[in-house]
C-alpha atoms as a PDB file:
ATOM      1  CA  MET A   1     -11.750 -64.637 -14.406  1.00  0.00           C
ATOM      2  CA  LYS A   2     -12.804 -62.009 -12.000  1.00  0.00           C
ATOM      3  CA  PHE A   3     -14.446 -58.901 -13.466  1.00  0.00           C
ATOM      4  CA  MET A   4     -15.732 -57.160 -10.376  1.00  0.00           C
ATOM      5  CA  SER A   5     -13.829 -56.587  -7.236  1.00  0.00           C
ATOM      6  CA  THR A   6     -15.417 -57.174  -3.919  1.00  0.00           C
ATOM      7  CA  PRO A   7     -16.048 -54.043  -1.867  1.00  0.00           C
ATOM      8  CA  LYS A   8     -13.684 -53.504   1.021  1.00  0.00           C
ATOM      9  CA  GLN A   9     -15.020 -53.178   4.506  1.00  0.00           C
ATOM     10  CA  PRO A  10     -14.521 -49.699   6.060  1.00  0.00           C
ATOM     11  CA  ARG A  11     -11.924 -49.562   8.782  1.00  0.00           C
ATOM     12  CA  ALA A  12     -12.833 -48.699  12.310  1.00  0.00           C
ATOM     13  CA  PRO A  13     -11.510 -45.303  13.412  1.00  0.00           C
ATOM     14  CA  ILE A  14      -8.319 -45.447  15.387  1.00  0.00           C
ATOM     15  CA  THR A  15      -8.715 -44.051  18.854  1.00  0.00           C
ATOM     16  CA  PRO A  16      -5.661 -42.903  20.710  1.00  0.00           C
ATOM     17  CA  PRO A  17      -4.994 -44.340  24.121  1.00  0.00           C
ATOM     18  CA  ASN A  18      -6.305 -42.160  26.967  1.00  0.00           C
ATOM     19  CA  SER A  19      -9.091 -40.786  24.782  1.00  0.00           C
ATOM     20  CA  GLY A  20     -11.474 -40.691  27.674  1.00  0.00           C
ATOM     21  CA  GLU A  21     -12.733 -37.749  29.640  1.00  0.00           C
ATOM     22  CA  ASP A  22      -9.365 -36.002  29.920  1.00  0.00           C
ATOM     23  CA  ALA A  23      -9.084 -35.323  26.172  1.00  0.00           C
ATOM     24  CA  VAL A  24      -8.389 -31.743  25.101  1.00  0.00           C
ATOM     25  CA  VAL A  25      -9.910 -30.267  21.981  1.00  0.00           C
ATOM     26  CA  LEU A  26      -8.134 -27.310  20.412  1.00  0.00           C
ATOM     27  CA  GLU A  27     -10.027 -24.749  18.376  1.00  0.00           C
ATOM     28  CA  ARG A  28      -8.378 -23.062  15.443  1.00  0.00           C
ATOM     29  CA  LYS A  29      -8.740 -19.290  15.316  1.00  0.00           C
ATOM     30  CA  THR A  30      -8.007 -17.519  12.093  1.00  0.00           C
ATOM     31  CA  LEU A  31      -5.864 -14.443  12.517  1.00  0.00           C
ATOM     32  CA  ARG A  32      -6.644 -11.544  10.284  1.00  0.00           C
ATOM     33  CA  THR A  33      -4.012  -8.948   9.666  1.00  0.00           C
ATOM     34  CA  GLN A  34      -5.084  -5.362   9.341  1.00  0.00           C
ATOM     35  CA  PRO A  35      -4.286  -3.630   6.061  1.00  0.00           C
ATOM     36  CA  PRO A  36      -1.663  -0.907   6.437  1.00  0.00           C
ATOM     37  CA  GLN A  37      -2.876   2.608   7.072  1.00  0.00           C
ATOM     38  CA  MET A  38      -2.677   4.553   3.834  1.00  0.00           C
ATOM     39  CA  HIS A  39      -0.731   7.809   3.527  1.00  0.00           C
ATOM     40  CA  GLN A  40      -1.270  10.682   1.138  1.00  0.00           C
ATOM     41  CA  VAL A  41       1.686  12.452  -0.429  1.00  0.00           C
ATOM     42  CA  LEU A  42       1.266  16.222  -0.536  1.00  0.00           C
ATOM     43  CA  MET A  43       3.277  18.906  -2.317  1.00  0.00           C
ATOM     44  CA  LEU A  44       3.343  22.317  -0.686  1.00  0.00           C
ATOM     45  CA  ASN A  45       3.317  25.630  -2.534  1.00  0.00           C
ATOM     46  CA  ASP A  46       6.271  28.003  -2.535  1.00  0.00           C
ATOM     47  CA  ASP A  47       7.006  31.141  -4.533  1.00  0.00           C
ATOM     48  CA  PHE A  48      10.314  29.948  -5.981  1.00  0.00           C
ATOM     49  CA  THR A  49       9.851  26.508  -7.572  1.00  0.00           C
ATOM     50  CA  PRO A  50       8.825  26.805 -11.231  1.00  0.00           C
ATOM     51  CA  MET A  51       5.430  25.390 -12.115  1.00  0.00           C
ATOM     52  CA  GLU A  52       7.005  23.387 -14.938  1.00  0.00           C
ATOM     53  CA  PHE A  53       9.260  21.585 -12.449  1.00  0.00           C
ATOM     54  CA  VAL A  54       6.234  20.640 -10.324  1.00  0.00           C
ATOM     55  CA  VAL A  55       4.459  19.273 -13.410  1.00  0.00           C
ATOM     56  CA  TRP A  56       7.603  17.324 -14.355  1.00  0.00           C
ATOM     57  CA  ALA A  57       7.896  15.865 -10.809  1.00  0.00           C
ATOM     58  CA  LEU A  58       4.242  14.779 -10.859  1.00  0.00           C
ATOM     59  CA  GLN A  59       4.744  13.064 -14.196  1.00  0.00           C
ATOM     60  CA  GLU A  60       8.075  11.504 -13.249  1.00  0.00           C
ATOM     61  CA  PHE A  61       7.411  10.243  -9.717  1.00  0.00           C
ATOM     62  CA  PHE A  62       3.624   9.848  -9.609  1.00  0.00           C
ATOM     63  CA  SER A  63       2.950   8.645 -13.183  1.00  0.00           C
ATOM     64  CA  LYS A  64       0.484  11.425 -13.932  1.00  0.00           C
ATOM     65  CA  ASP A  65      -0.307  12.461 -17.482  1.00  0.00           C
ATOM     66  CA  ARG A  66       0.377  16.037 -18.545  1.00  0.00           C
ATOM     67  CA  GLU A  67      -3.188  17.254 -18.022  1.00  0.00           C
ATOM     68  CA  SER A  68      -3.744  15.766 -14.540  1.00  0.00           C
ATOM     69  CA  ALA A  69      -0.245  16.893 -13.482  1.00  0.00           C
ATOM     70  CA  THR A  70      -1.127  20.436 -14.561  1.00  0.00           C
ATOM     71  CA  GLN A  71      -4.418  20.293 -12.640  1.00  0.00           C
ATOM     72  CA  ILE A  72      -2.647  19.126  -9.473  1.00  0.00           C
ATOM     73  CA  MET A  73       0.023  21.822  -9.929  1.00  0.00           C
ATOM     74  CA  LEU A  74      -2.673  24.503 -10.163  1.00  0.00           C
ATOM     75  CA  LYS A  75      -4.359  23.141  -7.036  1.00  0.00           C
ATOM     76  CA  ILE A  76      -1.017  23.314  -5.216  1.00  0.00           C
ATOM     77  CA  HIS A  77      -0.509  26.864  -6.458  1.00  0.00           C
ATOM     78  CA  LEU A  78      -4.001  28.087  -5.532  1.00  0.00           C
ATOM     79  CA  ASP A  79      -4.727  26.119  -2.328  1.00  0.00           C
ATOM     80  CA  GLY A  80      -1.210  25.938  -0.931  1.00  0.00           C
ATOM     81  CA  ARG A  81      -1.048  22.144  -1.128  1.00  0.00           C
ATOM     82  CA  GLY A  82      -2.228  19.309  -3.309  1.00  0.00           C
ATOM     83  CA  VAL A  83      -2.513  15.533  -3.093  1.00  0.00           C
ATOM     84  CA  CYS A  84      -0.135  13.748  -5.459  1.00  0.00           C
ATOM     85  CA  GLY A  85      -1.165  10.201  -4.582  1.00  0.00           C
ATOM     86  CA  ILE A  86      -2.228   7.754  -1.880  1.00  0.00           C
ATOM     87  CA  TYR A  87       0.154   4.944  -0.961  1.00  0.00           C
ATOM     88  CA  THR A  88       1.214   2.581   1.790  1.00  0.00           C
ATOM     89  CA  PRO A  89       3.560   4.254   4.302  1.00  0.00           C
ATOM     90  CA  ASP A  90       6.801   2.885   2.881  1.00  0.00           C
ATOM     91  CA  VAL A  91       5.923   3.780  -0.712  1.00  0.00           C
ATOM     92  CA  ALA A  92       4.786   7.265   0.366  1.00  0.00           C
ATOM     93  CA  PHE A  93       8.059   7.811   2.246  1.00  0.00           C
ATOM     94  CA  THR A  94      10.029   6.746  -0.842  1.00  0.00           C
ATOM     95  CA  LYS A  95       8.052   9.084  -3.124  1.00  0.00           C
ATOM     96  CA  VAL A  96       8.606  12.021  -0.747  1.00  0.00           C
ATOM     97  CA  ASN A  97      12.343  11.343  -0.679  1.00  0.00           C
ATOM     98  CA  GLN A  98      12.514  11.077  -4.476  1.00  0.00           C
ATOM     99  CA  VAL A  99      10.758  14.427  -4.940  1.00  0.00           C
ATOM    100  CA  LEU A 100      12.878  16.169  -2.297  1.00  0.00           C
ATOM    101  CA  GLN A 101      16.116  14.795  -3.748  1.00  0.00           C
ATOM    102  CA  ALA A 102      15.161  15.875  -7.288  1.00  0.00           C
ATOM    103  CA  ALA A 103      14.159  19.333  -6.058  1.00  0.00           C
ATOM    104  CA  ARG A 104      17.420  19.810  -4.142  1.00  0.00           C
ATOM    105  CA  SER A 105      19.428  18.609  -7.148  1.00  0.00           C
ATOM    106  CA  ALA A 106      17.687  21.196  -9.328  1.00  0.00           C
ATOM    107  CA  GLY A 107      18.131  23.909  -6.673  1.00  0.00           C
ATOM    108  CA  HIS A 108      14.439  24.298  -5.840  1.00  0.00           C
ATOM    109  CA  PRO A 109      12.987  24.609  -2.304  1.00  0.00           C
ATOM    110  CA  LEU A 110       9.957  22.437  -3.134  1.00  0.00           C
ATOM    111  CA  GLN A 111       8.446  20.766  -0.062  1.00  0.00           C
ATOM    112  CA  CYS A 112       6.757  17.373  -0.177  1.00  0.00           C
ATOM    113  CA  VAL A 113       5.260  15.607   2.850  1.00  0.00           C
ATOM    114  CA  SER A 114       3.358  12.446   3.683  1.00  0.00           C
ATOM    115  CA  GLU A 115       0.507  12.233   6.173  1.00  0.00           C
ATOM    116  CA  PRO A 116      -1.782   9.384   7.233  1.00  0.00           C
ATOM    117  CA  ILE A 117      -5.359   9.283   5.995  1.00  0.00           C
ATOM    118  CA  GLU A 118      -7.882   9.038   8.809  1.00  0.00           C
END
């Protein structure tokens, strides 16, 4: 009976033919992608869109609670514009289109824009 195996001898490394002085060594460079530039979605004040519609739009499209939606609406009303959220460019563009479509459907001239954050 054999209880212990005999250790195997390590193999010699295999060298490719022509591995002399003309060998080429390639270095691997890791590529890092830049994160997308973020955009802020802004609502602009007008004298015709009801404040309640602005609060509803903030709750519906930007997932704000009633209190924060009211605070943003007041900022829009007093400062002329207010930040609704910060998103990647494609999400910001979609949010702007959703707000504009809802405003036009309701007959309101509400303006919503997206601009890059510097």
